[in-house]
N, C-alpha and C. Protein backbone atom coordinates (compact mmCIF):
# COMPACT_ATOMS: atom_id res chain seq x y z
N MET A 1 109.40 155.43 137.14
CA MET A 1 109.71 155.18 134.60
C MET A 1 111.83 154.93 135.15
N LYS A 2 112.21 155.49 136.00
CA LYS A 2 114.15 155.53 135.47
C LYS A 2 114.25 154.19 136.46
N ARG A 3 113.32 153.69 137.25
CA ARG A 3 113.90 152.38 138.17
C ARG A 3 113.06 151.03 136.87
N ILE A 4 112.14 151.21 135.97
CA ILE A 4 111.60 150.62 135.14
C ILE A 4 112.89 150.57 133.92
N LEU A 5 113.19 151.64 133.13
CA LEU A 5 113.95 151.93 132.46
C LEU A 5 115.75 151.06 132.26
N ALA A 6 115.86 151.39 133.18
CA ALA A 6 117.32 150.34 133.87
C ALA A 6 117.64 149.46 133.63
N PRO A 7 116.59 148.26 133.89
CA PRO A 7 116.86 146.81 134.40
C PRO A 7 116.32 146.25 132.68
N LEU A 8 115.28 147.07 132.18
CA LEU A 8 114.93 147.04 130.93
C LEU A 8 115.83 147.07 129.80
N THR A 9 116.26 148.33 129.83
CA THR A 9 117.49 148.61 128.39
C THR A 9 118.89 147.67 128.74
N ALA A 10 118.63 147.35 130.21
CA ALA A 10 119.83 145.93 130.38
C ALA A 10 119.20 144.75 129.87
N LEU A 11 118.03 144.45 129.60
CA LEU A 11 117.63 143.27 129.62
C LEU A 11 117.89 143.23 128.09
N VAL A 12 117.61 143.81 127.02
CA VAL A 12 117.51 144.04 125.69
C VAL A 12 118.90 143.84 125.36
N LEU A 13 120.12 144.31 126.13
CA LEU A 13 121.72 144.35 126.16
C LEU A 13 122.05 142.91 125.82
N LEU A 14 121.18 142.02 127.01
CA LEU A 14 121.96 141.00 127.51
C LEU A 14 122.04 140.09 126.35
N GLN A 15 120.30 140.21 125.80
CA GLN A 15 119.27 139.49 124.42
C GLN A 15 120.55 140.00 123.62
N ILE A 16 120.36 140.95 122.98
CA ILE A 16 120.98 141.03 122.04
C ILE A 16 122.76 140.43 122.10
N SER A 17 123.69 140.98 122.96
CA SER A 17 124.90 140.32 122.70
C SER A 17 124.36 138.42 122.92
N GLY A 18 123.39 138.32 123.78
CA GLY A 18 123.43 136.38 123.79
C GLY A 18 122.99 136.45 122.42
N ALA A 19 122.04 136.49 121.24
CA ALA A 19 121.99 136.18 120.03
C ALA A 19 123.12 136.84 119.19
N ALA A 20 123.87 137.82 119.33
CA ALA A 20 125.20 137.57 118.54
C ALA A 20 126.02 136.76 119.49
N ARG A 21 126.07 135.94 120.31
CA ARG A 21 127.39 135.59 120.73
C ARG A 21 126.65 133.84 120.27
N ALA A 22 125.53 133.88 120.40
CA ALA A 22 125.11 132.22 119.45
C ALA A 22 125.02 132.69 118.01
N GLU A 23 125.29 133.43 117.26
CA GLU A 23 125.05 133.68 115.94
C GLU A 23 127.06 133.52 115.42
N ARG A 24 127.42 133.35 115.98
CA ARG A 24 129.05 134.02 116.48
C ARG A 24 129.64 131.84 116.36
N THR A 25 128.90 131.92 117.40
CA THR A 25 128.97 129.96 117.81
C THR A 25 128.26 129.47 116.49
N ALA A 26 127.72 129.46 116.22
CA ALA A 26 127.13 128.83 114.95
C ALA A 26 127.84 129.14 113.82
N HIS A 27 128.44 130.01 113.45
CA HIS A 27 129.31 130.59 111.90
C HIS A 27 130.43 130.36 112.16
N GLY A 28 131.38 129.91 113.36
CA GLY A 28 132.77 130.21 113.81
C GLY A 28 132.52 131.59 114.36
N ARG A 29 134.02 131.79 114.48
CA ARG A 29 134.70 133.02 115.26
C ARG A 29 134.86 134.25 114.28
N SER A 30 134.10 135.35 115.18
CA SER A 30 134.11 136.81 114.27
C SER A 30 136.05 137.03 114.79
N HIS A 31 135.77 137.84 113.37
CA HIS A 31 137.21 139.13 113.56
C HIS A 31 136.73 140.18 113.03
N ILE A 32 138.15 141.08 114.11
CA ILE A 32 137.82 142.50 113.46
C ILE A 32 138.28 142.70 112.23
N GLN A 33 138.09 143.28 111.18
CA GLN A 33 138.05 143.47 109.97
C GLN A 33 139.05 145.43 109.87
N VAL A 34 140.02 145.30 109.68
CA VAL A 34 140.97 146.58 109.55
C VAL A 34 140.80 147.22 108.33
N GLY A 35 141.11 148.66 107.82
CA GLY A 35 140.58 148.94 106.49
C GLY A 35 141.09 150.82 106.50
N LEU A 36 141.43 151.35 105.30
CA LEU A 36 141.32 151.84 104.63
C LEU A 36 140.63 152.98 104.04
N ASP A 37 139.72 153.55 104.55
CA ASP A 37 138.41 154.44 103.32
C ASP A 37 139.30 155.76 102.97
N THR A 38 139.02 155.93 102.27
CA THR A 38 139.65 157.05 100.97
C THR A 38 138.37 157.74 100.54
N GLU A 39 138.36 159.07 101.16
CA GLU A 39 136.89 160.33 100.91
C GLU A 39 137.45 160.93 99.88
N PHE A 40 135.82 161.92 99.64
CA PHE A 40 136.56 163.23 98.82
C PHE A 40 134.90 163.68 99.50
N SER A 41 135.29 164.76 99.97
CA SER A 41 134.17 165.35 100.34
C SER A 41 133.67 166.98 99.89
N MET A 42 132.28 167.05 99.98
CA MET A 42 131.69 168.64 98.99
C MET A 42 130.66 169.19 100.53
N PRO A 43 131.18 170.68 101.09
CA PRO A 43 130.78 170.93 102.21
C PRO A 43 128.66 171.29 101.48
N VAL A 44 127.95 171.43 101.79
CA VAL A 44 126.65 172.06 101.33
C VAL A 44 125.90 172.90 101.95
N GLY A 45 125.08 173.81 101.59
CA GLY A 45 123.98 175.29 102.16
C GLY A 45 125.10 175.85 102.62
N ASN A 46 125.07 175.98 104.10
CA ASN A 46 126.03 177.25 104.95
C ASN A 46 127.17 177.14 104.87
N TYR A 47 127.44 175.95 105.23
CA TYR A 47 128.97 175.65 105.28
C TYR A 47 129.86 175.65 104.19
N ALA A 48 129.49 175.42 103.04
CA ALA A 48 129.60 175.63 101.67
C ALA A 48 130.23 176.81 101.49
N ASP A 49 129.66 178.22 102.07
CA ASP A 49 130.42 179.63 101.96
C ASP A 49 131.85 179.58 102.55
N VAL A 50 132.07 179.12 103.58
CA VAL A 50 133.45 178.84 104.35
C VAL A 50 134.60 177.91 104.01
N ASN A 51 133.78 176.63 103.54
CA ASN A 51 134.68 175.59 103.02
C ASN A 51 134.49 175.47 101.39
N SER A 52 135.63 174.98 100.86
CA SER A 52 135.17 174.21 99.79
C SER A 52 135.73 172.07 99.69
N VAL A 53 135.73 172.01 98.47
CA VAL A 53 135.98 170.62 98.61
C VAL A 53 137.32 170.29 99.60
N GLY A 54 137.26 168.81 99.66
CA GLY A 54 138.09 168.42 100.60
C GLY A 54 138.42 166.74 99.97
N GLY A 55 139.54 166.02 100.62
CA GLY A 55 140.05 164.93 100.85
C GLY A 55 140.24 163.96 102.23
N GLY A 56 140.48 163.06 102.29
CA GLY A 56 141.01 162.52 103.67
C GLY A 56 140.92 160.69 103.62
N ALA A 57 141.61 160.16 104.53
CA ALA A 57 141.51 158.69 104.46
C ALA A 57 140.96 158.94 106.42
N LEU A 58 140.63 157.79 105.91
CA LEU A 58 140.40 156.87 107.56
C LEU A 58 140.34 155.69 108.05
N VAL A 59 141.28 155.34 109.15
CA VAL A 59 141.54 153.61 109.61
C VAL A 59 140.27 153.67 110.16
N VAL A 60 139.80 152.26 109.57
CA VAL A 60 138.63 151.87 109.52
C VAL A 60 138.28 150.74 110.40
N ALA A 61 137.53 150.15 111.63
CA ALA A 61 137.87 148.58 112.04
C ALA A 61 136.53 148.40 112.04
N GLU A 62 135.71 147.04 112.25
CA GLU A 62 134.33 146.59 111.94
C GLU A 62 134.75 144.94 112.49
N TYR A 63 133.50 145.29 113.50
CA TYR A 63 133.28 143.90 114.53
C TYR A 63 131.92 143.26 113.91
N PRO A 64 131.82 142.67 113.09
CA PRO A 64 130.51 142.21 112.58
C PRO A 64 129.79 141.35 114.27
N MET A 65 128.98 141.84 114.36
CA MET A 65 128.28 141.21 115.47
C MET A 65 127.08 140.12 114.95
N MET A 66 126.69 139.98 114.06
CA MET A 66 125.70 139.42 113.86
C MET A 66 126.23 138.95 111.53
N PRO A 67 125.69 137.91 110.45
CA PRO A 67 125.51 138.27 109.20
C PRO A 67 125.43 139.01 108.59
N VAL A 68 124.73 140.07 109.36
CA VAL A 68 123.94 140.77 108.42
C VAL A 68 124.53 142.81 108.90
N LEU A 69 125.06 142.69 110.21
CA LEU A 69 125.26 143.33 111.24
C LEU A 69 126.83 143.28 111.80
N GLY A 70 127.00 145.01 111.79
CA GLY A 70 128.60 144.85 111.93
C GLY A 70 128.51 146.49 112.79
N LEU A 71 129.68 146.43 114.02
CA LEU A 71 129.68 147.66 114.62
C LEU A 71 130.77 148.40 114.01
N THR A 72 131.66 149.38 113.61
CA THR A 72 132.38 149.91 113.08
C THR A 72 132.90 151.36 113.81
N LEU A 73 134.18 151.31 113.26
CA LEU A 73 135.10 152.47 114.56
C LEU A 73 135.93 153.14 112.69
N ARG A 74 135.62 154.55 112.44
CA ARG A 74 136.21 155.20 111.78
C ARG A 74 137.25 156.63 112.22
N THR A 75 138.68 156.37 111.46
CA THR A 75 138.93 157.89 112.82
C THR A 75 139.95 157.72 111.32
N GLY A 76 140.59 159.85 111.05
CA GLY A 76 141.60 159.70 110.09
C GLY A 76 141.37 161.59 110.26
N PHE A 77 141.57 161.89 108.98
CA PHE A 77 141.63 162.99 109.06
C PHE A 77 141.51 164.01 107.30
N GLN A 78 140.59 164.85 107.19
CA GLN A 78 139.52 165.75 106.40
C GLN A 78 140.17 166.65 106.03
N MET A 79 141.03 167.03 104.96
CA MET A 79 141.97 168.44 104.37
C MET A 79 140.75 168.95 103.71
N HIS A 80 140.69 170.25 103.19
CA HIS A 80 139.65 171.22 102.59
C HIS A 80 140.65 171.88 102.30
N VAL A 81 140.03 172.67 101.16
CA VAL A 81 141.26 173.22 100.01
C VAL A 81 140.20 174.89 100.19
N ASP A 82 141.55 175.86 100.50
CA ASP A 82 141.35 176.93 100.84
C ASP A 82 139.88 177.71 99.68
N ARG A 83 138.81 178.49 100.81
CA ARG A 83 137.33 178.74 100.10
C ARG A 83 137.79 180.48 99.80
N THR A 84 138.23 181.15 98.87
CA THR A 84 137.99 182.35 99.08
C THR A 84 137.27 183.85 98.38
N VAL A 85 136.42 184.80 98.72
CA VAL A 85 135.63 185.15 98.87
C VAL A 85 136.37 186.66 98.94
N ASN A 86 135.57 187.43 98.21
CA ASN A 86 136.38 188.67 98.31
C ASN A 86 137.54 189.23 99.17
N ASN A 87 138.70 188.07 98.95
CA ASN A 87 139.86 188.37 99.46
C ASN A 87 139.92 187.49 100.90
N LEU A 88 139.10 186.97 101.21
CA LEU A 88 138.59 187.07 102.59
C LEU A 88 139.13 184.78 102.40
N GLY A 89 139.91 184.15 102.59
CA GLY A 89 140.51 182.79 102.53
C GLY A 89 139.83 182.05 103.35
N SER A 90 139.02 180.76 103.65
CA SER A 90 139.03 180.16 104.80
C SER A 90 139.26 179.11 104.52
N HIS A 91 139.03 177.85 105.33
CA HIS A 91 139.35 176.23 105.29
C HIS A 91 138.68 175.81 106.64
N VAL A 92 137.99 174.14 106.70
CA VAL A 92 137.52 173.76 108.07
C VAL A 92 138.50 172.66 107.62
N ASN A 93 139.46 172.06 108.21
CA ASN A 93 139.66 170.73 108.10
C ASN A 93 139.46 169.70 109.41
N ALA A 94 138.76 168.07 109.41
CA ALA A 94 138.42 167.85 110.48
C ALA A 94 139.08 166.31 110.51
N ILE A 95 139.20 166.35 111.83
CA ILE A 95 139.63 165.05 112.50
C ILE A 95 138.38 163.98 112.67
N PRO A 96 137.47 163.32 112.62
CA PRO A 96 136.56 162.55 112.72
C PRO A 96 136.70 161.36 113.87
N VAL A 97 136.06 161.32 114.77
CA VAL A 97 136.29 160.19 115.48
C VAL A 97 135.37 159.33 115.60
N LEU A 98 134.39 158.35 114.53
CA LEU A 98 132.93 158.14 114.25
C LEU A 98 133.02 156.47 114.85
N LEU A 99 131.48 156.22 115.84
CA LEU A 99 131.26 154.80 115.45
C LEU A 99 130.09 154.62 115.41
N GLY A 100 129.86 153.60 114.85
CA GLY A 100 128.55 153.61 114.09
C GLY A 100 128.20 151.79 114.19
N THR A 101 126.91 151.62 113.01
CA THR A 101 126.83 150.03 112.67
C THR A 101 126.71 150.42 111.00
N LYS A 102 126.81 148.96 110.95
CA LYS A 102 126.62 148.92 109.25
C LYS A 102 125.46 147.76 109.37
N TYR A 103 124.60 148.13 108.27
CA TYR A 103 123.33 147.02 108.34
C TYR A 103 123.78 146.87 106.47
N TYR A 104 124.37 145.23 106.03
CA TYR A 104 124.47 144.71 104.94
C TYR A 104 122.82 144.11 105.09
N ILE A 105 122.38 144.39 103.46
CA ILE A 105 120.79 144.18 103.35
C ILE A 105 121.19 142.85 102.66
N GLY A 106 120.80 141.83 103.17
CA GLY A 106 120.69 140.09 102.63
C GLY A 106 122.24 139.04 103.23
N GLN A 107 123.56 139.81 102.65
CA GLN A 107 124.16 139.52 103.03
C GLN A 107 125.55 140.03 103.15
N ARG A 108 127.05 139.57 103.49
CA ARG A 108 128.02 140.91 103.58
C ARG A 108 128.51 141.41 102.16
N ASN A 109 128.60 140.84 101.02
CA ASN A 109 128.55 141.42 99.77
C ASN A 109 127.05 141.69 99.29
N GLY A 110 127.28 143.24 99.13
CA GLY A 110 125.90 143.71 98.42
C GLY A 110 126.11 145.31 98.70
N LEU A 111 124.53 145.87 98.82
CA LEU A 111 124.31 146.99 99.28
C LEU A 111 124.54 146.94 101.10
N PHE A 112 125.13 147.34 101.58
CA PHE A 112 124.67 148.02 103.39
C PHE A 112 123.89 149.53 103.56
N GLY A 113 124.20 150.17 104.22
CA GLY A 113 123.27 151.08 105.20
C GLY A 113 124.08 151.48 106.23
N ALA A 114 124.83 152.98 106.73
CA ALA A 114 125.30 152.56 107.71
C ALA A 114 124.87 153.60 108.57
N PHE A 115 125.54 153.84 109.66
CA PHE A 115 125.16 155.20 110.30
C PHE A 115 125.55 155.66 111.21
N GLU A 116 126.46 157.14 111.33
CA GLU A 116 127.60 156.83 112.34
C GLU A 116 127.27 158.10 113.43
N LEU A 117 128.11 157.80 114.52
CA LEU A 117 128.05 159.46 115.26
C LEU A 117 128.76 159.24 116.17
N GLY A 118 130.01 160.51 116.78
CA GLY A 118 130.68 161.07 117.14
C GLY A 118 131.63 161.89 117.47
N MET A 119 132.74 162.26 117.43
CA MET A 119 133.11 164.06 118.31
C MET A 119 134.66 163.99 116.25
N PHE A 120 133.64 165.53 115.88
CA PHE A 120 134.53 166.40 114.88
C PHE A 120 135.75 166.96 115.36
N ASP A 121 136.71 166.93 115.52
CA ASP A 121 137.67 168.13 115.91
C ASP A 121 138.03 168.80 114.57
N LEU A 122 137.32 170.53 114.39
CA LEU A 122 137.30 170.79 113.50
C LEU A 122 138.06 171.98 113.45
N MET A 123 139.04 172.15 113.05
CA MET A 123 140.32 172.69 112.66
C MET A 123 139.56 174.56 111.81
N SER A 124 139.46 175.52 112.19
CA SER A 124 139.76 176.50 111.38
C SER A 124 140.77 177.86 110.61
N SER A 125 140.90 178.30 109.20
CA SER A 125 141.88 178.63 109.46
C SER A 125 140.78 180.25 109.10
N VAL A 126 141.11 181.71 109.37
CA VAL A 126 140.35 182.55 108.22
C VAL A 126 141.60 183.35 107.87
N GLN A 127 142.18 183.62 106.84
CA GLN A 127 142.82 184.63 106.04
C GLN A 127 142.64 185.86 105.65
N THR A 128 141.92 187.12 105.77
CA THR A 128 142.12 188.45 105.66
C THR A 128 143.02 189.06 105.31
N PRO A 129 143.18 190.23 104.77
CA PRO A 129 143.88 191.28 104.22
C PRO A 129 144.41 192.38 105.20
N ALA A 130 145.79 192.50 105.45
CA ALA A 130 146.03 193.56 106.85
C ALA A 130 147.14 194.45 106.14
N GLY A 131 146.63 195.51 106.01
CA GLY A 131 147.12 196.41 105.52
C GLY A 131 148.17 196.14 104.04
N ARG A 132 148.96 196.84 103.67
CA ARG A 132 149.41 196.71 102.35
C ARG A 132 150.76 195.46 102.25
N ASN A 133 149.78 194.28 101.24
CA ASN A 133 150.47 193.33 101.11
C ASN A 133 150.28 191.96 101.80
N GLY A 134 149.82 192.62 102.90
CA GLY A 134 149.50 191.45 104.63
C GLY A 134 147.94 190.93 104.12
N THR A 135 148.64 189.61 105.29
CA THR A 135 147.53 188.98 105.66
C THR A 135 147.31 188.15 106.93
N THR A 136 146.15 188.33 108.01
CA THR A 136 146.52 188.08 109.20
C THR A 136 145.56 186.99 109.51
N THR A 137 145.87 185.71 109.48
CA THR A 137 145.71 184.37 110.02
C THR A 137 145.06 184.50 111.08
N VAL A 138 143.86 184.05 111.26
CA VAL A 138 143.12 183.66 112.67
C VAL A 138 142.99 182.16 112.32
N THR A 139 143.14 181.42 113.70
CA THR A 139 142.72 179.76 113.37
C THR A 139 142.13 179.64 114.95
N SER A 140 141.02 178.56 114.99
CA SER A 140 140.79 178.20 116.23
C SER A 140 139.99 176.75 116.22
N ASN A 141 140.11 175.97 116.82
CA ASN A 141 140.26 174.63 117.22
C ASN A 141 139.04 174.63 117.90
N ASP A 142 137.93 173.50 117.83
CA ASP A 142 136.89 172.63 118.47
C ASP A 142 136.20 171.66 118.30
N VAL A 143 135.81 171.13 119.43
CA VAL A 143 135.38 169.70 118.58
C VAL A 143 134.10 169.83 119.23
N LYS A 144 133.71 169.61 118.23
CA LYS A 144 131.80 169.37 117.67
C LYS A 144 131.37 167.69 118.07
N PHE A 145 130.09 167.47 118.00
CA PHE A 145 129.65 166.61 118.65
C PHE A 145 128.68 166.05 116.84
N GLY A 146 128.97 165.42 116.13
CA GLY A 146 128.57 164.71 114.69
C GLY A 146 127.63 163.06 114.31
N LEU A 147 127.06 163.70 112.96
CA LEU A 147 126.36 162.11 113.34
C LEU A 147 126.33 162.86 111.89
N GLY A 148 126.24 160.98 111.18
CA GLY A 148 125.62 160.76 109.86
C GLY A 148 125.49 159.14 109.23
N ALA A 149 124.90 159.41 108.32
CA ALA A 149 124.38 158.67 107.72
C ALA A 149 124.56 158.06 106.12
N GLY A 150 125.19 157.16 105.53
CA GLY A 150 125.18 156.42 104.34
C GLY A 150 125.11 155.22 104.05
N ILE A 151 125.07 155.10 102.22
CA ILE A 151 124.59 153.70 101.52
C ILE A 151 125.95 153.39 100.95
N GLY A 152 126.23 152.26 100.82
CA GLY A 152 127.66 151.86 100.18
C GLY A 152 127.12 150.36 99.56
N PHE A 153 128.15 149.64 99.14
CA PHE A 153 128.20 148.85 98.29
C PHE A 153 129.71 147.61 98.29
N GLN A 154 129.20 146.98 99.53
CA GLN A 154 130.62 146.00 99.78
C GLN A 154 130.69 144.68 98.41
N GLU A 155 131.95 144.96 97.72
CA GLU A 155 132.36 143.48 97.77
C GLU A 155 133.57 142.99 98.03
N GLU A 156 134.01 141.71 98.59
CA GLU A 156 135.01 141.09 99.45
C GLU A 156 135.44 141.79 100.41
N ARG A 157 136.65 142.31 99.87
CA ARG A 157 137.29 143.14 100.23
C ARG A 157 137.10 144.52 100.20
N TRP A 158 136.71 145.20 99.03
CA TRP A 158 136.20 146.55 98.52
C TRP A 158 134.72 146.97 98.75
N ASN A 159 135.37 148.72 99.31
CA ASN A 159 133.58 148.71 99.32
C ASN A 159 133.41 150.65 98.72
N ALA A 160 132.61 150.58 98.27
CA ALA A 160 132.44 151.35 97.33
C ALA A 160 130.99 152.46 98.72
N ARG A 161 131.33 154.12 98.86
CA ARG A 161 130.17 154.19 99.86
C ARG A 161 129.93 156.05 99.55
N MET A 162 128.63 156.49 99.79
CA MET A 162 128.18 157.23 100.16
C MET A 162 127.45 158.10 101.34
N SER A 163 128.24 159.77 101.99
CA SER A 163 127.24 159.40 103.12
C SER A 163 127.09 161.51 103.37
N VAL A 164 126.58 161.41 103.76
CA VAL A 164 125.83 162.50 104.38
C VAL A 164 126.04 162.84 106.17
N HIS A 165 127.47 163.24 106.58
CA HIS A 165 127.03 164.05 107.68
C HIS A 165 127.22 165.66 108.93
N SER A 166 126.90 165.67 109.39
CA SER A 166 126.77 166.94 110.18
C SER A 166 127.81 167.09 111.31
N GLN A 167 128.72 168.08 111.27
CA GLN A 167 129.76 167.52 112.02
C GLN A 167 129.47 168.35 113.10
N ASP A 168 128.52 168.68 113.25
CA ASP A 168 127.98 169.76 114.15
C ASP A 168 126.38 170.02 114.34
N VAL A 169 125.93 169.10 115.36
CA VAL A 169 124.57 168.63 115.72
C VAL A 169 124.05 169.79 116.45
N GLY A 170 124.71 171.00 117.03
CA GLY A 170 124.31 172.14 117.73
C GLY A 170 123.70 172.89 116.30
N ASN A 171 124.43 172.74 115.40
CA ASN A 171 124.12 174.13 114.23
C ASN A 171 123.59 173.06 113.10
N PHE A 172 122.64 171.89 113.62
CA PHE A 172 122.65 171.00 112.62
C PHE A 172 122.83 171.23 110.71
N GLY A 173 121.95 172.20 110.08
CA GLY A 173 121.86 172.89 109.41
C GLY A 173 122.64 173.55 108.27
N SER A 174 123.47 173.88 108.72
CA SER A 174 124.55 174.72 108.76
C SER A 174 126.20 173.48 108.87
N ALA A 175 126.10 172.83 108.88
CA ALA A 175 127.58 171.98 108.56
C ALA A 175 127.68 170.61 108.54
N PHE A 176 127.11 170.76 107.07
CA PHE A 176 126.78 169.29 106.41
C PHE A 176 127.39 169.05 105.07
N VAL A 177 128.34 168.08 105.44
CA VAL A 177 129.07 167.47 104.28
C VAL A 177 128.45 166.52 103.55
N ILE A 178 128.84 166.22 102.30
CA ILE A 178 128.13 165.16 101.74
C ILE A 178 129.97 164.59 101.12
N THR A 179 129.57 162.91 101.27
CA THR A 179 131.73 162.24 100.81
C THR A 179 131.40 161.40 100.23
N ALA A 180 132.26 161.10 99.64
CA ALA A 180 132.06 159.53 98.22
C ALA A 180 133.45 158.94 98.47
N GLY A 181 133.71 157.26 98.83
CA GLY A 181 135.09 157.10 98.57
C GLY A 181 134.65 155.74 98.27
N ILE A 182 135.82 155.08 98.29
CA ILE A 182 136.19 153.71 98.12
C ILE A 182 137.13 153.27 99.48
N GLY A 183 137.26 151.99 100.04
CA GLY A 183 137.70 151.72 100.88
C GLY A 183 138.04 150.43 100.68
N TYR A 184 139.24 149.53 101.91
CA TYR A 184 140.16 148.65 101.51
C TYR A 184 139.78 147.48 102.65
N GLN A 185 139.55 147.12 103.01
CA GLN A 185 139.67 145.87 104.50
C GLN A 185 141.03 144.87 103.71
N PHE A 186 142.21 145.72 104.91
CA PHE A 186 143.29 145.07 104.48
C PHE A 186 143.71 143.10 104.80
N ALA A 187 143.36 143.94 106.59
CA ALA A 187 143.76 142.68 107.70
C ALA A 187 142.50 142.44 108.48
N SER A 188 142.52 141.26 109.58
CA SER A 188 141.35 140.80 110.75
C SER A 188 141.84 140.27 111.41
N PHE A 189 141.96 140.22 112.04
CA PHE A 189 142.54 139.85 113.79
C PHE A 189 141.29 139.33 114.63
């Protein structure tokens, strides 16, 4: 089975790249588009017990493979405010590095669907009371594999997007974040 799967996968990838190359030749040269996405995020479920709302900015690169399909890379920083319950303060900030696709429904201006997967560098901080008027802070840094999906609307260089991400696939149901934001593509190379 493994002997059949590898050549079949290679053949499919060659056909996709050939179709994309033919599409680019027919429509001119493709350019990598670079932009910035802003995000407002809200943890849900068990994740909301230790993390609060946050915001962030991500640098975005998109390479159009076909008129309706683009490959994306998004990376940046997502900062969350402290969640304080019973004198216990905590938050989890994240540095995502996400590879994905953007599928435009009909044309490049209009609705799109997005799917991403990649690494989340999760930086946790927990503050607990320690004795008289003191606090103890415990921090940790964990790199986790995550994925997400979303929908959005593209208008020329501007876009609006809403996504759901699991920042830790190993704890799939316990690390969900809903994000919404606005982005702008400011250059193409």
